[in-house]
Amino acid sequence: MFEQLFPNVNLEDMWTATGETFYMTLISLVGTFILGTILGLLLFLTSKGNVWESKTLNFIVATIVNVTRAIPFIILILLLFPFTDFLMGTIRGPNAALPALIIGSAPFYGRLVEIALKEVDKGVLEAAKAMGAKTSTVIFKVLLPESLPALVSGITVTAIALIGYTAIAGVIGAGGLGDYAYYYGFQRWDFDVVLFCTVLIVLIVFLFQFIGDYISNKLDKR
């Protein structure tokens, strides 16, 4: 039955490509979480009325975030070729896709972090300041814990966007399901391979969404 529906699919190669997609998504997700959280905190803390209020710094960070988000991902990959080659020693393969994946998705997550932090009860923040809490205490004891369910929802949305980015990165030889679908499916006109890759990518998206929703619901005590 399977061979009739997908006569050109090589399961061994397909699992290798699936593993590469998971590898790129999970590693870049960690980098995106760290860099995006820093950007989101900078956007929030340097805005009006907050502890590091600074129009100049806020403008610089917001400009970096907005410009990076405005660049289409496929063009960002090409622009980062020299940086990727310097950092990873190659511009092909799953490792070569990581810098572009992190730089492309961190600004998006940074904005989600900023939105999550703005939703933290101002009364809680004021109470912490009134008790003489340091900025680091406000960040790690109030802001991040209070916004954790929203941060998890945000990283889930970002993870799903990253899965799409890995498929795009595959077109330039980064490996993964996008690479396999393009080179072994589309270029050979074996569209059963393209369809099977698409089904696997959709299943991976569903898996990430389920895990993200489960963790977010567990953390949300409201």
Protein backbone atom coordinates (compact mmCIF):
# COMPACT_ATOMS: atom_id res chain seq x y z
CA MET A 1 0.00 0.00 0.00
CA PHE A 2 2.73 2.46 1.06
CA GLU A 3 4.89 1.61 -1.98
CA GLN A 4 1.90 2.15 -4.27
CA LEU A 5 1.15 5.58 -2.78
CA PHE A 6 4.79 6.70 -2.45
CA PRO A 7 6.83 4.62 -4.94
CA ASN A 8 9.84 6.96 -4.95
CA VAL A 9 10.16 7.51 -1.19
CA ASN A 10 13.29 6.06 0.42
CA LEU A 11 12.40 5.74 4.10
CA GLU A 12 16.01 5.58 5.28
CA ASP A 13 16.86 8.86 3.55
CA MET A 14 13.58 10.35 4.76
CA TRP A 15 14.34 9.62 8.41
CA THR A 16 17.80 11.14 7.97
CA ALA A 17 16.20 14.29 6.55
CA THR A 18 13.66 14.34 9.39
CA GLY A 19 16.49 14.10 11.92
CA GLU A 20 18.25 17.03 10.24
CA THR A 21 15.04 19.10 10.44
CA PHE A 22 14.70 18.33 14.16
CA TYR A 23 18.39 19.13 14.70
CA MET A 24 18.18 22.53 12.96
CA THR A 25 14.88 23.40 14.67
CA LEU A 26 15.89 22.46 18.22
CA ILE A 27 19.39 23.97 18.17
CA SER A 28 18.22 27.20 16.58
CA LEU A 29 15.27 27.30 19.00
CA VAL A 30 17.67 27.42 21.94
CA GLY A 31 19.66 30.24 20.32
CA THR A 32 16.48 32.08 19.40
CA PHE A 33 15.13 31.79 22.94
CA ILE A 34 18.30 33.27 24.45
CA LEU A 35 18.82 36.05 21.88
CA GLY A 36 15.11 36.83 21.56
CA THR A 37 14.66 37.09 25.33
CA ILE A 38 17.58 39.53 25.55
CA LEU A 39 16.12 41.65 22.72
CA GLY A 40 12.65 41.58 24.29
CA LEU A 41 14.00 42.62 27.69
CA LEU A 42 16.01 45.46 26.12
CA LEU A 43 12.94 46.67 24.21
CA PHE A 44 10.85 46.61 27.38
CA LEU A 45 13.34 47.93 29.94
CA THR A 46 14.50 50.84 27.74
CA SER A 47 10.95 51.97 26.94
CA LYS A 48 9.26 54.92 28.65
CA GLY A 49 8.73 54.56 32.40
CA ASN A 50 10.97 51.52 32.88
CA VAL A 51 14.24 51.09 34.75
CA TRP A 52 16.60 51.54 31.80
CA GLU A 53 14.50 54.19 30.02
CA SER A 54 16.51 55.46 27.06
CA LYS A 55 15.03 56.74 23.81
CA THR A 56 18.33 56.29 21.98
CA LEU A 57 18.96 52.70 23.04
CA ASN A 58 15.32 51.76 22.53
CA PHE A 59 15.42 53.25 19.02
CA ILE A 60 18.63 51.35 18.14
CA VAL A 61 17.30 48.00 19.39
CA ALA A 62 13.89 48.54 17.76
CA THR A 63 15.57 49.45 14.46
CA ILE A 64 17.73 46.30 14.51
CA VAL A 65 14.65 44.19 15.26
CA ASN A 66 12.48 45.84 12.61
CA VAL A 67 15.13 45.76 9.87
CA THR A 68 15.98 42.09 10.50
CA ARG A 69 12.32 41.13 10.52
CA ALA A 70 11.74 42.99 7.25
CA ILE A 71 14.34 40.99 5.31
CA PRO A 72 12.88 37.89 3.60
CA PHE A 73 14.49 34.76 5.04
CA ILE A 74 15.85 33.44 1.75
CA ILE A 75 17.65 36.77 1.17
CA LEU A 76 18.90 36.83 4.78
CA ILE A 77 20.55 33.44 4.20
CA LEU A 78 22.38 34.80 1.16
CA LEU A 79 23.42 38.02 2.96
CA LEU A 80 24.84 35.97 5.84
CA PHE A 81 26.96 33.67 3.63
CA PRO A 82 30.29 35.42 4.54
CA PHE A 83 29.41 35.46 8.26
CA THR A 84 28.24 31.82 8.13
CA ASP A 85 31.40 30.73 6.31
CA PHE A 86 33.53 32.57 8.91
CA LEU A 87 31.62 31.14 11.86
CA MET A 88 30.89 27.57 10.71
CA GLY A 89 33.59 27.03 8.05
CA THR A 90 30.96 26.08 5.44
CA ILE A 91 27.83 27.44 3.79
CA ARG A 92 26.20 24.05 3.25
CA GLY A 93 24.64 21.51 5.59
CA PRO A 94 22.49 21.74 8.74
CA ASN A 95 25.16 23.57 10.79
CA ALA A 96 25.48 26.28 8.14
CA ALA A 97 21.77 27.04 8.44
CA LEU A 98 21.92 27.72 12.19
CA PRO A 99 23.21 31.36 12.15
CA ALA A 100 20.56 32.44 9.65
CA LEU A 101 17.81 30.55 11.50
CA ILE A 102 18.71 32.20 14.83
CA ILE A 103 19.27 35.70 13.43
CA GLY A 104 16.11 35.42 11.32
CA SER A 105 13.79 34.30 14.12
CA ALA A 106 15.21 35.97 17.27
CA PRO A 107 13.84 39.47 16.43
CA PHE A 108 10.38 37.95 15.87
CA TYR A 109 10.54 36.24 19.26
CA GLY A 110 11.96 39.42 20.80
CA ARG A 111 8.77 41.28 19.89
CA LEU A 112 6.68 38.47 21.41
CA VAL A 113 8.75 38.72 24.59
CA GLU A 114 8.22 42.49 24.71
CA ILE A 115 4.44 42.01 24.36
CA ALA A 116 4.46 39.36 27.11
CA LEU A 117 6.38 41.64 29.48
CA LYS A 118 3.97 44.53 28.86
CA GLU A 119 1.14 42.32 30.10
CA VAL A 120 2.75 41.82 33.52
CA ASP A 121 0.69 43.50 36.25
CA LYS A 122 2.18 46.97 36.84
CA GLY A 123 1.16 46.77 40.48
CA VAL A 124 3.48 43.79 41.00
CA LEU A 125 6.33 45.67 39.35
CA GLU A 126 5.73 48.79 41.44
CA ALA A 127 5.62 46.70 44.62
CA ALA A 128 8.97 45.10 43.76
CA LYS A 129 10.53 48.52 43.08
CA ALA A 130 9.05 49.94 46.30
CA MET A 131 10.75 47.15 48.26
CA GLY A 132 14.09 48.20 46.76
CA ALA A 133 14.47 45.24 44.41
CA LYS A 134 17.47 45.38 42.09
CA THR A 135 16.97 45.33 38.33
CA SER A 136 18.23 41.74 38.15
CA THR A 137 15.69 40.78 40.84
CA VAL A 138 12.88 42.51 38.93
CA ILE A 139 13.87 40.62 35.75
CA PHE A 140 14.42 37.14 37.18
CA LYS A 141 11.97 37.18 40.12
CA VAL A 142 9.09 39.20 38.67
CA LEU A 143 9.10 39.86 34.92
CA LEU A 144 10.16 36.47 33.55
CA PRO A 145 8.22 34.27 36.03
CA GLU A 146 5.03 36.36 35.69
CA SER A 147 5.15 36.25 31.88
CA LEU A 148 6.28 32.61 31.57
CA PRO A 149 3.04 31.18 30.04
CA ALA A 150 3.08 33.90 27.36
CA LEU A 151 6.81 33.34 26.76
CA VAL A 152 6.18 29.62 26.22
CA SER A 153 3.30 30.37 23.83
CA GLY A 154 5.60 32.78 21.99
CA ILE A 155 8.44 30.28 21.63
CA THR A 156 5.92 27.72 20.37
CA VAL A 157 4.79 30.09 17.61
CA THR A 158 8.45 30.84 16.85
CA ALA A 159 9.30 27.13 16.70
CA ILE A 160 6.64 26.57 14.07
CA ALA A 161 7.99 29.50 12.05
CA LEU A 162 11.48 27.96 12.42
CA ILE A 163 10.27 24.67 10.96
CA GLY A 164 9.14 26.62 7.90
CA TYR A 165 12.51 28.39 7.78
CA THR A 166 14.36 25.03 7.84
CA ALA A 167 12.36 23.97 4.79
CA ILE A 168 13.44 27.19 3.02
CA ALA A 169 17.06 26.69 4.11
CA GLY A 170 16.92 23.22 2.57
CA VAL A 171 16.59 24.78 -0.88
CA ILE A 172 20.17 26.11 -0.58
CA GLY A 173 21.55 22.75 0.59
CA ALA A 174 21.10 22.97 4.35
CA GLY A 175 19.67 19.47 4.54
CA GLY A 176 16.40 18.44 6.18
CA LEU A 177 13.00 17.75 4.70
CA GLY A 178 12.97 20.93 2.59
CA ASP A 179 16.24 19.92 0.97
CA TYR A 180 15.00 16.38 0.37
CA ALA A 181 11.67 17.54 -1.07
CA TYR A 182 13.37 19.97 -3.45
CA TYR A 183 16.27 17.89 -4.73
CA TYR A 184 14.75 14.38 -4.63
CA GLY A 185 11.13 15.36 -5.22
CA PHE A 186 10.67 18.55 -7.18
CA GLN A 187 13.78 18.40 -9.38
CA ARG A 188 13.06 14.78 -10.37
CA TRP A 189 9.32 15.44 -10.71
CA ASP A 190 8.65 12.77 -8.07
CA PHE A 191 5.81 14.58 -6.37
CA ASP A 192 5.01 11.68 -4.06
CA VAL A 193 8.31 12.56 -2.33
CA VAL A 194 7.23 16.22 -2.02
CA LEU A 195 3.86 15.13 -0.62
CA PHE A 196 5.42 12.77 1.93
CA CYS A 197 7.85 15.47 3.09
CA THR A 198 4.95 17.88 3.45
CA VAL A 199 3.01 15.39 5.58
CA LEU A 200 6.03 14.91 7.85
CA ILE A 201 6.55 18.67 8.25
CA VAL A 202 2.85 19.12 9.15
CA LEU A 203 3.13 16.34 11.74
CA ILE A 204 6.23 17.99 13.26
CA VAL A 205 4.33 21.31 13.47
CA PHE A 206 1.43 19.57 15.23
CA LEU A 207 3.88 17.94 17.67
CA PHE A 208 5.52 21.26 18.59
CA GLN A 209 2.13 22.97 18.96
CA PHE A 210 0.83 20.19 21.23
CA ILE A 211 3.91 20.28 23.47
CA GLY A 212 3.90 24.10 23.62
CA ASP A 213 0.18 24.28 24.48
CA TYR A 214 0.56 21.58 27.16
CA ILE A 215 3.46 23.35 28.89
CA SER A 216 1.80 26.79 28.63
CA ASN A 217 -1.46 25.48 30.14
CA LYS A 218 0.44 23.82 32.98
CA LEU A 219 2.27 27.07 33.79
CA ASP A 220 -0.83 29.29 33.55
CA LYS A 221 -2.34 29.38 37.06
CA ARG A 222 -5.10 31.89 36.24
